[in-house]
N, C-alpha and C. Protein backbone atom coordinates (compact mmCIF):
# COMPACT_ATOMS: atom_id res chain seq x y z
N UNK A 1 2.27 -18.70 -71.83
CA UNK A 1 2.72 -19.28 -70.57
C UNK A 1 3.99 -18.54 -70.15
N UNK A 2 4.06 -18.26 -68.90
CA UNK A 2 5.22 -17.54 -68.38
C UNK A 2 6.40 -18.48 -68.28
N UNK A 3 7.56 -17.95 -68.56
CA UNK A 3 8.80 -18.73 -68.51
C UNK A 3 9.01 -19.34 -67.13
N UNK A 4 8.68 -18.62 -66.08
CA UNK A 4 8.86 -19.13 -64.72
C UNK A 4 8.01 -20.39 -64.48
N UNK A 5 6.77 -20.39 -64.94
CA UNK A 5 5.91 -21.57 -64.79
C UNK A 5 6.44 -22.75 -65.58
N UNK A 6 6.92 -22.48 -66.78
CA UNK A 6 7.49 -23.54 -67.62
C UNK A 6 8.73 -24.15 -66.96
N UNK A 7 9.60 -23.30 -66.43
CA UNK A 7 10.81 -23.80 -65.76
C UNK A 7 10.47 -24.59 -64.50
N UNK A 8 9.46 -24.12 -63.76
CA UNK A 8 9.01 -24.84 -62.56
C UNK A 8 8.46 -26.23 -62.94
N UNK A 9 7.72 -26.29 -64.03
CA UNK A 9 7.18 -27.57 -64.51
C UNK A 9 8.33 -28.51 -64.93
N UNK A 10 9.31 -27.98 -65.67
CA UNK A 10 10.45 -28.81 -66.09
C UNK A 10 11.20 -29.39 -64.89
N UNK A 11 11.44 -28.56 -63.89
CA UNK A 11 12.14 -29.02 -62.70
C UNK A 11 11.34 -30.11 -61.99
N UNK A 12 10.04 -29.92 -61.85
CA UNK A 12 9.19 -30.93 -61.19
C UNK A 12 9.19 -32.24 -61.98
N UNK A 13 9.19 -32.15 -63.30
CA UNK A 13 9.21 -33.36 -64.14
C UNK A 13 10.56 -34.06 -64.01
N UNK A 14 11.65 -33.31 -63.99
CA UNK A 14 12.96 -33.92 -63.79
C UNK A 14 13.01 -34.64 -62.45
N UNK A 15 12.50 -34.01 -61.41
CA UNK A 15 12.50 -34.65 -60.09
C UNK A 15 11.63 -35.91 -60.09
N UNK A 16 10.52 -35.88 -60.81
CA UNK A 16 9.67 -37.06 -60.96
C UNK A 16 10.46 -38.21 -61.60
N UNK A 17 11.15 -37.94 -62.68
CA UNK A 17 11.88 -39.00 -63.38
C UNK A 17 13.01 -39.54 -62.49
N UNK A 18 13.67 -38.67 -61.75
CA UNK A 18 14.72 -39.13 -60.84
C UNK A 18 14.14 -40.00 -59.72
N UNK A 19 12.96 -39.61 -59.20
CA UNK A 19 12.30 -40.46 -58.18
C UNK A 19 11.96 -41.83 -58.76
N UNK A 20 11.51 -41.85 -59.99
CA UNK A 20 11.19 -43.10 -60.68
C UNK A 20 12.42 -44.01 -60.74
N UNK A 21 13.55 -43.48 -61.20
CA UNK A 21 14.76 -44.31 -61.30
C UNK A 21 15.27 -44.73 -59.92
N UNK A 22 15.19 -43.85 -58.93
CA UNK A 22 15.60 -44.23 -57.58
C UNK A 22 14.71 -45.34 -57.04
N UNK A 23 13.41 -45.29 -57.32
CA UNK A 23 12.51 -46.36 -56.89
C UNK A 23 12.87 -47.68 -57.57
N UNK A 24 13.23 -47.62 -58.84
CA UNK A 24 13.67 -48.84 -59.55
C UNK A 24 14.91 -49.42 -58.88
N UNK A 25 15.91 -48.60 -58.64
CA UNK A 25 17.16 -49.07 -58.05
C UNK A 25 16.99 -49.53 -56.61
N UNK A 26 16.10 -48.89 -55.87
CA UNK A 26 15.87 -49.24 -54.47
C UNK A 26 14.89 -50.40 -54.31
N UNK A 27 14.38 -50.90 -55.42
CA UNK A 27 13.42 -52.01 -55.41
C UNK A 27 12.18 -51.64 -54.58
N UNK A 28 11.65 -50.47 -54.89
CA UNK A 28 10.53 -49.89 -54.15
C UNK A 28 9.27 -49.86 -55.04
N UNK A 29 8.46 -50.93 -55.03
CA UNK A 29 7.28 -50.98 -55.91
C UNK A 29 6.28 -49.85 -55.64
N UNK A 30 6.10 -49.46 -54.38
CA UNK A 30 5.15 -48.39 -54.08
C UNK A 30 5.66 -47.04 -54.60
N UNK A 31 6.94 -46.78 -54.44
CA UNK A 31 7.53 -45.56 -54.99
C UNK A 31 7.47 -45.54 -56.50
N UNK A 32 7.69 -46.70 -57.12
CA UNK A 32 7.58 -46.84 -58.57
C UNK A 32 6.16 -46.49 -59.01
N UNK A 33 5.16 -47.08 -58.35
CA UNK A 33 3.75 -46.89 -58.74
C UNK A 33 3.33 -45.44 -58.58
N UNK A 34 3.85 -44.76 -57.55
CA UNK A 34 3.47 -43.38 -57.27
C UNK A 34 3.91 -42.41 -58.37
N UNK A 35 4.76 -42.84 -59.26
CA UNK A 35 5.24 -41.98 -60.35
C UNK A 35 4.28 -41.92 -61.53
N UNK A 36 3.19 -42.69 -61.48
CA UNK A 36 2.28 -42.80 -62.63
C UNK A 36 0.88 -42.34 -62.28
N UNK A 37 0.07 -42.09 -63.31
CA UNK A 37 -1.32 -41.70 -63.12
C UNK A 37 -2.05 -42.76 -62.31
N UNK A 38 -3.10 -42.33 -61.59
CA UNK A 38 -3.84 -43.24 -60.72
C UNK A 38 -4.54 -44.34 -61.49
N UNK A 39 -5.06 -44.03 -62.68
CA UNK A 39 -5.69 -45.06 -63.50
C UNK A 39 -5.38 -44.79 -64.96
N UNK A 40 -5.45 -45.86 -65.73
CA UNK A 40 -5.04 -45.73 -67.12
C UNK A 40 -3.53 -45.75 -67.20
N UNK A 41 -3.01 -45.05 -68.11
CA UNK A 41 -1.56 -45.00 -68.27
C UNK A 41 -1.06 -46.14 -69.13
N UNK A 42 0.04 -45.87 -69.81
CA UNK A 42 0.64 -46.85 -70.70
C UNK A 42 2.13 -46.91 -70.42
N UNK A 43 2.62 -48.12 -70.21
CA UNK A 43 4.05 -48.35 -70.06
C UNK A 43 4.46 -49.38 -71.09
N UNK A 44 5.57 -49.14 -71.74
CA UNK A 44 6.11 -50.10 -72.70
C UNK A 44 7.61 -50.15 -72.47
N UNK A 45 8.06 -51.26 -71.89
CA UNK A 45 9.47 -51.41 -71.57
C UNK A 45 10.12 -52.47 -72.46
N UNK A 46 9.78 -52.44 -73.75
CA UNK A 46 10.42 -53.35 -74.69
C UNK A 46 10.18 -54.79 -74.34
N UNK A 47 11.23 -55.51 -73.93
CA UNK A 47 11.10 -56.95 -73.65
C UNK A 47 10.11 -57.27 -72.52
N UNK A 48 9.84 -56.33 -71.62
CA UNK A 48 8.89 -56.58 -70.54
C UNK A 48 7.45 -56.38 -70.99
N UNK A 49 7.24 -55.81 -72.16
CA UNK A 49 5.91 -55.68 -72.72
C UNK A 49 5.26 -54.33 -72.52
N UNK A 50 4.07 -54.21 -73.10
CA UNK A 50 3.27 -52.98 -73.05
C UNK A 50 2.07 -53.25 -72.15
N UNK A 51 1.89 -52.41 -71.13
CA UNK A 51 0.83 -52.66 -70.15
C UNK A 51 0.50 -51.37 -69.41
N UNK A 52 -0.27 -51.50 -68.34
CA UNK A 52 -0.64 -50.37 -67.50
C UNK A 52 0.26 -50.35 -66.25
N UNK A 53 0.25 -49.25 -65.50
CA UNK A 53 1.13 -49.17 -64.33
C UNK A 53 0.91 -50.26 -63.28
N UNK A 54 -0.34 -50.62 -62.99
CA UNK A 54 -0.58 -51.64 -61.96
C UNK A 54 -0.02 -53.00 -62.36
N UNK A 55 -0.21 -53.38 -63.62
CA UNK A 55 0.34 -54.66 -64.09
C UNK A 55 1.86 -54.63 -64.06
N UNK A 56 2.45 -53.48 -64.45
CA UNK A 56 3.91 -53.37 -64.45
C UNK A 56 4.46 -53.46 -63.03
N UNK A 57 3.73 -52.97 -62.03
CA UNK A 57 4.17 -53.10 -60.64
C UNK A 57 4.28 -54.57 -60.27
N UNK A 58 3.34 -55.40 -60.73
CA UNK A 58 3.42 -56.83 -60.48
C UNK A 58 4.66 -57.45 -61.11
N UNK A 59 4.96 -57.07 -62.34
CA UNK A 59 6.17 -57.55 -63.02
C UNK A 59 7.40 -57.06 -62.28
N UNK A 60 7.38 -55.79 -61.88
CA UNK A 60 8.48 -55.18 -61.12
C UNK A 60 8.74 -55.97 -59.84
N UNK A 61 7.67 -56.31 -59.11
CA UNK A 61 7.83 -57.08 -57.87
C UNK A 61 8.51 -58.43 -58.13
N UNK A 62 8.11 -59.12 -59.19
CA UNK A 62 8.69 -60.43 -59.51
C UNK A 62 10.18 -60.33 -59.83
N UNK A 63 10.56 -59.33 -60.59
CA UNK A 63 11.95 -59.21 -61.03
C UNK A 63 12.81 -58.54 -59.95
N UNK A 64 12.40 -57.37 -59.50
CA UNK A 64 13.23 -56.58 -58.59
C UNK A 64 13.33 -57.19 -57.20
N UNK A 65 12.30 -57.88 -56.76
CA UNK A 65 12.31 -58.42 -55.41
C UNK A 65 12.73 -59.89 -55.35
N UNK A 66 13.14 -60.46 -56.49
CA UNK A 66 13.65 -61.84 -56.49
C UNK A 66 14.91 -61.91 -55.62
N UNK A 67 15.07 -63.02 -54.92
CA UNK A 67 16.22 -63.15 -54.04
C UNK A 67 17.21 -64.19 -54.54
N UNK A 68 18.45 -64.01 -54.17
CA UNK A 68 19.53 -64.95 -54.45
C UNK A 68 19.54 -66.00 -53.34
N UNK A 69 20.27 -67.08 -53.50
CA UNK A 69 20.32 -68.12 -52.46
C UNK A 69 20.74 -67.62 -51.08
N UNK A 70 21.54 -66.54 -51.02
CA UNK A 70 21.96 -66.03 -49.71
C UNK A 70 20.90 -65.12 -49.07
N UNK A 71 19.75 -64.96 -49.73
CA UNK A 71 18.68 -64.13 -49.20
C UNK A 71 18.74 -62.68 -49.63
N UNK A 72 19.83 -62.27 -50.23
CA UNK A 72 19.96 -60.90 -50.74
C UNK A 72 19.30 -60.79 -52.10
N UNK A 73 19.32 -59.61 -52.68
CA UNK A 73 18.68 -59.42 -53.98
C UNK A 73 19.39 -60.20 -55.09
N UNK A 74 18.58 -60.78 -55.98
CA UNK A 74 19.15 -61.49 -57.13
C UNK A 74 19.81 -60.50 -58.08
N UNK A 75 19.08 -59.41 -58.40
CA UNK A 75 19.62 -58.42 -59.34
C UNK A 75 19.88 -57.10 -58.64
N UNK A 76 20.94 -56.46 -59.06
CA UNK A 76 21.31 -55.12 -58.61
C UNK A 76 21.24 -54.22 -59.84
N UNK A 77 20.45 -53.16 -59.75
CA UNK A 77 20.25 -52.28 -60.89
C UNK A 77 20.81 -50.89 -60.63
N UNK A 78 21.22 -50.23 -61.71
CA UNK A 78 21.67 -48.85 -61.64
C UNK A 78 21.17 -48.13 -62.89
N UNK A 79 20.21 -47.24 -62.70
CA UNK A 79 19.64 -46.45 -63.79
C UNK A 79 20.25 -45.04 -63.75
N UNK A 80 20.82 -44.61 -64.86
CA UNK A 80 21.31 -43.24 -64.98
C UNK A 80 20.64 -42.62 -66.20
N UNK A 81 19.78 -41.64 -65.95
CA UNK A 81 19.09 -40.95 -67.04
C UNK A 81 19.67 -39.57 -67.21
N UNK A 82 19.77 -39.15 -68.46
CA UNK A 82 20.35 -37.84 -68.74
C UNK A 82 19.89 -37.33 -70.09
N UNK A 83 20.32 -36.15 -70.44
CA UNK A 83 20.00 -35.43 -71.67
C UNK A 83 18.49 -35.29 -71.87
N UNK A 84 17.76 -34.80 -70.85
CA UNK A 84 16.32 -34.64 -71.03
C UNK A 84 15.99 -33.54 -72.04
N UNK A 85 14.94 -33.80 -72.81
CA UNK A 85 14.34 -32.78 -73.68
C UNK A 85 12.87 -32.74 -73.31
N UNK A 86 12.47 -31.74 -72.53
CA UNK A 86 11.11 -31.67 -72.00
C UNK A 86 10.40 -30.48 -72.65
N UNK A 87 9.24 -30.76 -73.22
CA UNK A 87 8.41 -29.73 -73.83
C UNK A 87 7.16 -29.57 -72.98
N UNK A 88 7.00 -28.40 -72.38
CA UNK A 88 5.84 -28.10 -71.56
C UNK A 88 4.80 -27.45 -72.48
N UNK A 89 3.60 -28.02 -72.51
CA UNK A 89 2.56 -27.51 -73.39
C UNK A 89 1.83 -26.34 -72.74
N UNK A 90 1.45 -25.38 -73.54
CA UNK A 90 0.74 -24.21 -73.04
C UNK A 90 -0.69 -24.60 -72.68
N UNK A 91 -1.14 -24.25 -71.47
CA UNK A 91 -2.46 -24.66 -71.02
C UNK A 91 -3.60 -23.77 -71.52
N UNK A 92 -3.27 -22.67 -72.12
CA UNK A 92 -4.29 -21.70 -72.47
C UNK A 92 -4.17 -20.50 -71.55
N UNK A 93 -4.99 -19.50 -71.78
CA UNK A 93 -4.84 -18.25 -71.02
C UNK A 93 -5.10 -18.43 -69.52
N UNK A 94 -4.15 -17.94 -68.74
CA UNK A 94 -4.34 -17.83 -67.31
C UNK A 94 -4.09 -19.04 -66.46
N UNK A 95 -3.87 -20.21 -67.04
CA UNK A 95 -3.70 -21.40 -66.22
C UNK A 95 -2.27 -21.89 -66.21
N UNK A 96 -1.91 -22.65 -65.19
CA UNK A 96 -0.57 -23.24 -65.15
C UNK A 96 -0.51 -24.44 -66.10
N UNK A 97 0.68 -24.85 -66.50
CA UNK A 97 0.80 -26.00 -67.40
C UNK A 97 0.34 -27.29 -66.70
N UNK A 98 -0.27 -28.18 -67.48
CA UNK A 98 -0.75 -29.46 -66.93
C UNK A 98 -0.38 -30.65 -67.79
N UNK A 99 0.35 -30.42 -68.87
CA UNK A 99 0.76 -31.53 -69.74
C UNK A 99 2.11 -31.20 -70.35
N UNK A 100 2.94 -32.24 -70.48
CA UNK A 100 4.26 -32.07 -71.08
C UNK A 100 4.68 -33.40 -71.70
N UNK A 101 5.65 -33.33 -72.58
CA UNK A 101 6.26 -34.54 -73.15
C UNK A 101 7.76 -34.46 -72.93
N UNK A 102 8.41 -35.60 -72.97
CA UNK A 102 9.84 -35.59 -72.76
C UNK A 102 10.52 -36.83 -73.29
N UNK A 103 11.79 -36.67 -73.60
CA UNK A 103 12.65 -37.80 -73.96
C UNK A 103 13.89 -37.75 -73.07
N UNK A 104 14.39 -38.93 -72.76
CA UNK A 104 15.57 -39.09 -71.91
C UNK A 104 16.42 -40.22 -72.48
N UNK A 105 17.71 -40.13 -72.29
CA UNK A 105 18.61 -41.24 -72.60
C UNK A 105 18.91 -41.97 -71.29
N UNK A 106 18.88 -43.29 -71.36
CA UNK A 106 19.17 -44.12 -70.19
C UNK A 106 20.46 -44.89 -70.39
N UNK A 107 21.29 -44.90 -69.36
CA UNK A 107 22.41 -45.82 -69.25
C UNK A 107 22.06 -46.74 -68.09
N UNK A 108 22.04 -48.03 -68.35
CA UNK A 108 21.56 -49.01 -67.36
C UNK A 108 22.62 -50.07 -67.13
N UNK A 109 22.78 -50.41 -65.88
CA UNK A 109 23.72 -51.48 -65.51
C UNK A 109 22.98 -52.42 -64.57
N UNK A 110 23.13 -53.74 -64.82
CA UNK A 110 22.49 -54.73 -63.96
C UNK A 110 23.46 -55.87 -63.69
N UNK A 111 23.56 -56.24 -62.42
CA UNK A 111 24.33 -57.41 -62.02
C UNK A 111 23.32 -58.47 -61.61
N UNK A 112 23.39 -59.64 -62.24
CA UNK A 112 22.56 -60.78 -61.87
C UNK A 112 23.44 -61.71 -61.06
N UNK A 113 23.21 -61.75 -59.76
CA UNK A 113 24.06 -62.50 -58.85
C UNK A 113 23.88 -64.00 -58.99
N UNK A 114 22.76 -64.47 -59.51
CA UNK A 114 22.53 -65.90 -59.70
C UNK A 114 23.15 -66.36 -61.02
N UNK A 115 22.91 -65.62 -62.09
CA UNK A 115 23.48 -65.97 -63.39
C UNK A 115 24.97 -65.66 -63.46
N UNK A 116 25.45 -64.78 -62.56
CA UNK A 116 26.86 -64.40 -62.58
C UNK A 116 27.21 -63.52 -63.77
N UNK A 117 26.29 -62.59 -64.12
CA UNK A 117 26.52 -61.73 -65.27
C UNK A 117 26.32 -60.27 -64.92
N UNK A 118 26.93 -59.44 -65.76
CA UNK A 118 26.72 -58.00 -65.71
C UNK A 118 26.24 -57.58 -67.08
N UNK A 119 25.18 -56.76 -67.11
CA UNK A 119 24.67 -56.22 -68.37
C UNK A 119 24.76 -54.71 -68.31
N UNK A 120 25.28 -54.12 -69.37
CA UNK A 120 25.32 -52.68 -69.55
C UNK A 120 24.53 -52.40 -70.82
N UNK A 121 23.60 -51.46 -70.74
CA UNK A 121 22.78 -51.18 -71.92
C UNK A 121 22.37 -49.72 -71.95
N UNK A 122 21.83 -49.32 -73.10
CA UNK A 122 21.32 -47.97 -73.28
C UNK A 122 19.92 -48.05 -73.88
N UNK A 123 19.26 -46.93 -73.88
CA UNK A 123 17.96 -46.85 -74.51
C UNK A 123 17.42 -45.44 -74.39
N UNK A 124 16.23 -45.26 -74.95
CA UNK A 124 15.59 -43.95 -74.96
C UNK A 124 14.18 -44.05 -74.39
N UNK A 125 13.86 -43.15 -73.47
CA UNK A 125 12.51 -43.02 -72.94
C UNK A 125 11.78 -41.92 -73.70
N UNK A 126 10.51 -42.14 -73.98
CA UNK A 126 9.61 -41.13 -74.50
C UNK A 126 8.41 -41.12 -73.57
N UNK A 127 8.17 -40.01 -72.89
CA UNK A 127 7.17 -39.93 -71.84
C UNK A 127 6.13 -38.86 -72.11
N UNK A 128 4.95 -39.05 -71.52
CA UNK A 128 3.92 -38.01 -71.44
C UNK A 128 3.66 -37.78 -69.96
N UNK A 129 3.70 -36.51 -69.55
CA UNK A 129 3.50 -36.13 -68.16
C UNK A 129 2.23 -35.31 -68.03
N UNK A 130 1.51 -35.50 -66.94
CA UNK A 130 0.30 -34.72 -66.66
C UNK A 130 0.29 -34.35 -65.18
N UNK A 131 -0.48 -33.34 -64.85
CA UNK A 131 -0.67 -32.97 -63.46
C UNK A 131 -1.92 -33.68 -62.96
N UNK A 132 -1.76 -34.39 -61.85
CA UNK A 132 -2.86 -35.12 -61.24
C UNK A 132 -2.81 -34.84 -59.74
N UNK A 133 -3.89 -34.32 -59.21
CA UNK A 133 -3.97 -33.96 -57.79
C UNK A 133 -2.81 -33.06 -57.36
N UNK A 134 -2.49 -32.12 -58.25
CA UNK A 134 -1.49 -31.11 -57.92
C UNK A 134 -0.05 -31.52 -58.10
N UNK A 135 0.21 -32.70 -58.65
CA UNK A 135 1.61 -33.11 -58.84
C UNK A 135 1.79 -33.73 -60.22
N UNK A 136 3.00 -33.60 -60.75
CA UNK A 136 3.32 -34.19 -62.05
C UNK A 136 3.51 -35.70 -61.90
N UNK A 137 2.91 -36.46 -62.82
CA UNK A 137 3.06 -37.91 -62.89
C UNK A 137 3.18 -38.30 -64.36
N UNK A 138 3.58 -39.54 -64.60
CA UNK A 138 3.68 -40.03 -65.97
C UNK A 138 2.38 -40.70 -66.39
N UNK A 139 1.88 -40.32 -67.57
CA UNK A 139 0.72 -40.97 -68.17
C UNK A 139 1.18 -42.01 -69.19
N UNK A 140 2.32 -41.77 -69.80
CA UNK A 140 2.94 -42.72 -70.73
C UNK A 140 4.43 -42.75 -70.46
N UNK A 141 4.98 -43.96 -70.50
CA UNK A 141 6.41 -44.15 -70.31
C UNK A 141 6.81 -45.27 -71.27
N UNK A 142 7.42 -44.88 -72.38
CA UNK A 142 7.77 -45.84 -73.43
C UNK A 142 9.28 -45.91 -73.54
N UNK A 143 9.82 -47.12 -73.49
CA UNK A 143 11.27 -47.31 -73.53
C UNK A 143 11.65 -48.07 -74.78
N UNK A 144 12.58 -47.53 -75.53
CA UNK A 144 13.12 -48.19 -76.72
C UNK A 144 14.55 -48.61 -76.42
N UNK A 145 14.80 -49.92 -76.34
CA UNK A 145 16.17 -50.38 -76.04
C UNK A 145 17.14 -49.99 -77.15
N UNK A 146 18.37 -49.69 -76.72
CA UNK A 146 19.46 -49.42 -77.65
C UNK A 146 20.39 -50.63 -77.66
N UNK A 147 21.66 -50.40 -77.52
CA UNK A 147 22.62 -51.51 -77.53
C UNK A 147 22.78 -52.08 -76.12
N UNK A 148 23.35 -53.28 -76.07
CA UNK A 148 23.50 -53.98 -74.79
C UNK A 148 24.70 -54.91 -74.85
N UNK A 149 25.39 -55.03 -73.72
CA UNK A 149 26.49 -55.99 -73.58
C UNK A 149 26.25 -56.77 -72.30
N UNK A 150 26.29 -58.09 -72.39
CA UNK A 150 26.21 -58.94 -71.20
C UNK A 150 27.49 -59.75 -71.14
N UNK A 151 28.12 -59.74 -69.99
CA UNK A 151 29.39 -60.46 -69.83
C UNK A 151 29.40 -61.18 -68.49
N UNK A 152 30.17 -62.29 -68.41
CA UNK A 152 30.26 -63.02 -67.14
C UNK A 152 31.08 -62.24 -66.12
N UNK A 153 30.75 -62.44 -64.85
CA UNK A 153 31.49 -61.79 -63.78
C UNK A 153 32.78 -62.54 -63.45
N UNK A 154 32.86 -63.81 -63.79
CA UNK A 154 34.09 -64.60 -63.64
C UNK A 154 34.82 -64.39 -62.32
N UNK A 155 34.19 -64.75 -61.23
CA UNK A 155 34.85 -64.70 -59.93
C UNK A 155 34.91 -63.34 -59.28
N UNK A 156 34.26 -62.35 -59.86
CA UNK A 156 34.25 -61.01 -59.26
C UNK A 156 33.55 -61.06 -57.91
N UNK A 157 33.92 -60.17 -57.03
CA UNK A 157 33.26 -60.05 -55.74
C UNK A 157 32.20 -58.96 -55.86
N UNK A 158 30.96 -59.34 -55.53
CA UNK A 158 29.85 -58.40 -55.55
C UNK A 158 29.45 -58.14 -54.10
N UNK A 159 29.58 -56.92 -53.65
CA UNK A 159 29.22 -56.56 -52.29
C UNK A 159 27.79 -56.05 -52.26
N UNK A 160 26.99 -56.62 -51.38
CA UNK A 160 25.57 -56.29 -51.28
C UNK A 160 25.28 -55.82 -49.87
N UNK A 161 24.87 -54.57 -49.69
CA UNK A 161 24.62 -54.05 -48.33
C UNK A 161 23.60 -54.86 -47.53
N UNK A 162 22.62 -55.47 -48.19
CA UNK A 162 21.58 -56.21 -47.48
C UNK A 162 22.09 -57.52 -46.88
N UNK A 163 23.23 -58.00 -47.34
CA UNK A 163 23.78 -59.25 -46.81
C UNK A 163 24.97 -58.94 -45.92
N UNK A 164 25.44 -59.92 -45.23
CA UNK A 164 26.50 -59.70 -44.22
C UNK A 164 27.88 -59.75 -44.83
N UNK A 165 28.10 -59.14 -45.95
CA UNK A 165 29.45 -59.09 -46.51
C UNK A 165 29.45 -59.26 -48.01
N UNK A 166 30.56 -59.74 -48.49
CA UNK A 166 30.74 -59.89 -49.94
C UNK A 166 30.39 -61.30 -50.36
N UNK A 167 29.88 -61.43 -51.52
CA UNK A 167 29.51 -62.72 -52.10
C UNK A 167 30.33 -62.91 -53.36
N UNK A 168 31.13 -63.95 -53.42
CA UNK A 168 31.90 -64.23 -54.62
C UNK A 168 30.99 -64.91 -55.64
N UNK A 169 31.04 -64.44 -56.87
CA UNK A 169 30.28 -65.05 -57.96
C UNK A 169 31.26 -65.72 -58.89
N UNK A 170 31.05 -67.01 -59.15
CA UNK A 170 31.97 -67.70 -60.04
C UNK A 170 31.34 -68.02 -61.35
């Protein structure tokens, strides 16, 4: 496999993972679903369980689209992924790569506006990527939680763009 093809595959996979995290933070179920294979696929997000992409989209909708009493989002998420290790597999003579594996470290922050808490946590993703209809998608996305801290917001002001100002959480 030529180095240029391998580097192009790595860049496309990195962009895929960034789109995935942006879809999570933007509460975009369709964007989230578009990051995975059309059928089949395995997702395991620890406490959320092991399932397929379509079922996980349903879980995603319930959690990410839940609203607070003021009509704004109940939870605010921030996913930061870094330190990727992506291995692009050789496709054989003459063809472009079509399969890769990767690991990523996640730093995650979540504000629950109803519970009045902030959670900071870490974990590790282990993924399998494939080319489907000319684009890289995830066939497997497995998350292993690391450490976590949950603390009360104790009167902090949480500003939410979707609402008309700041909401004090006590």
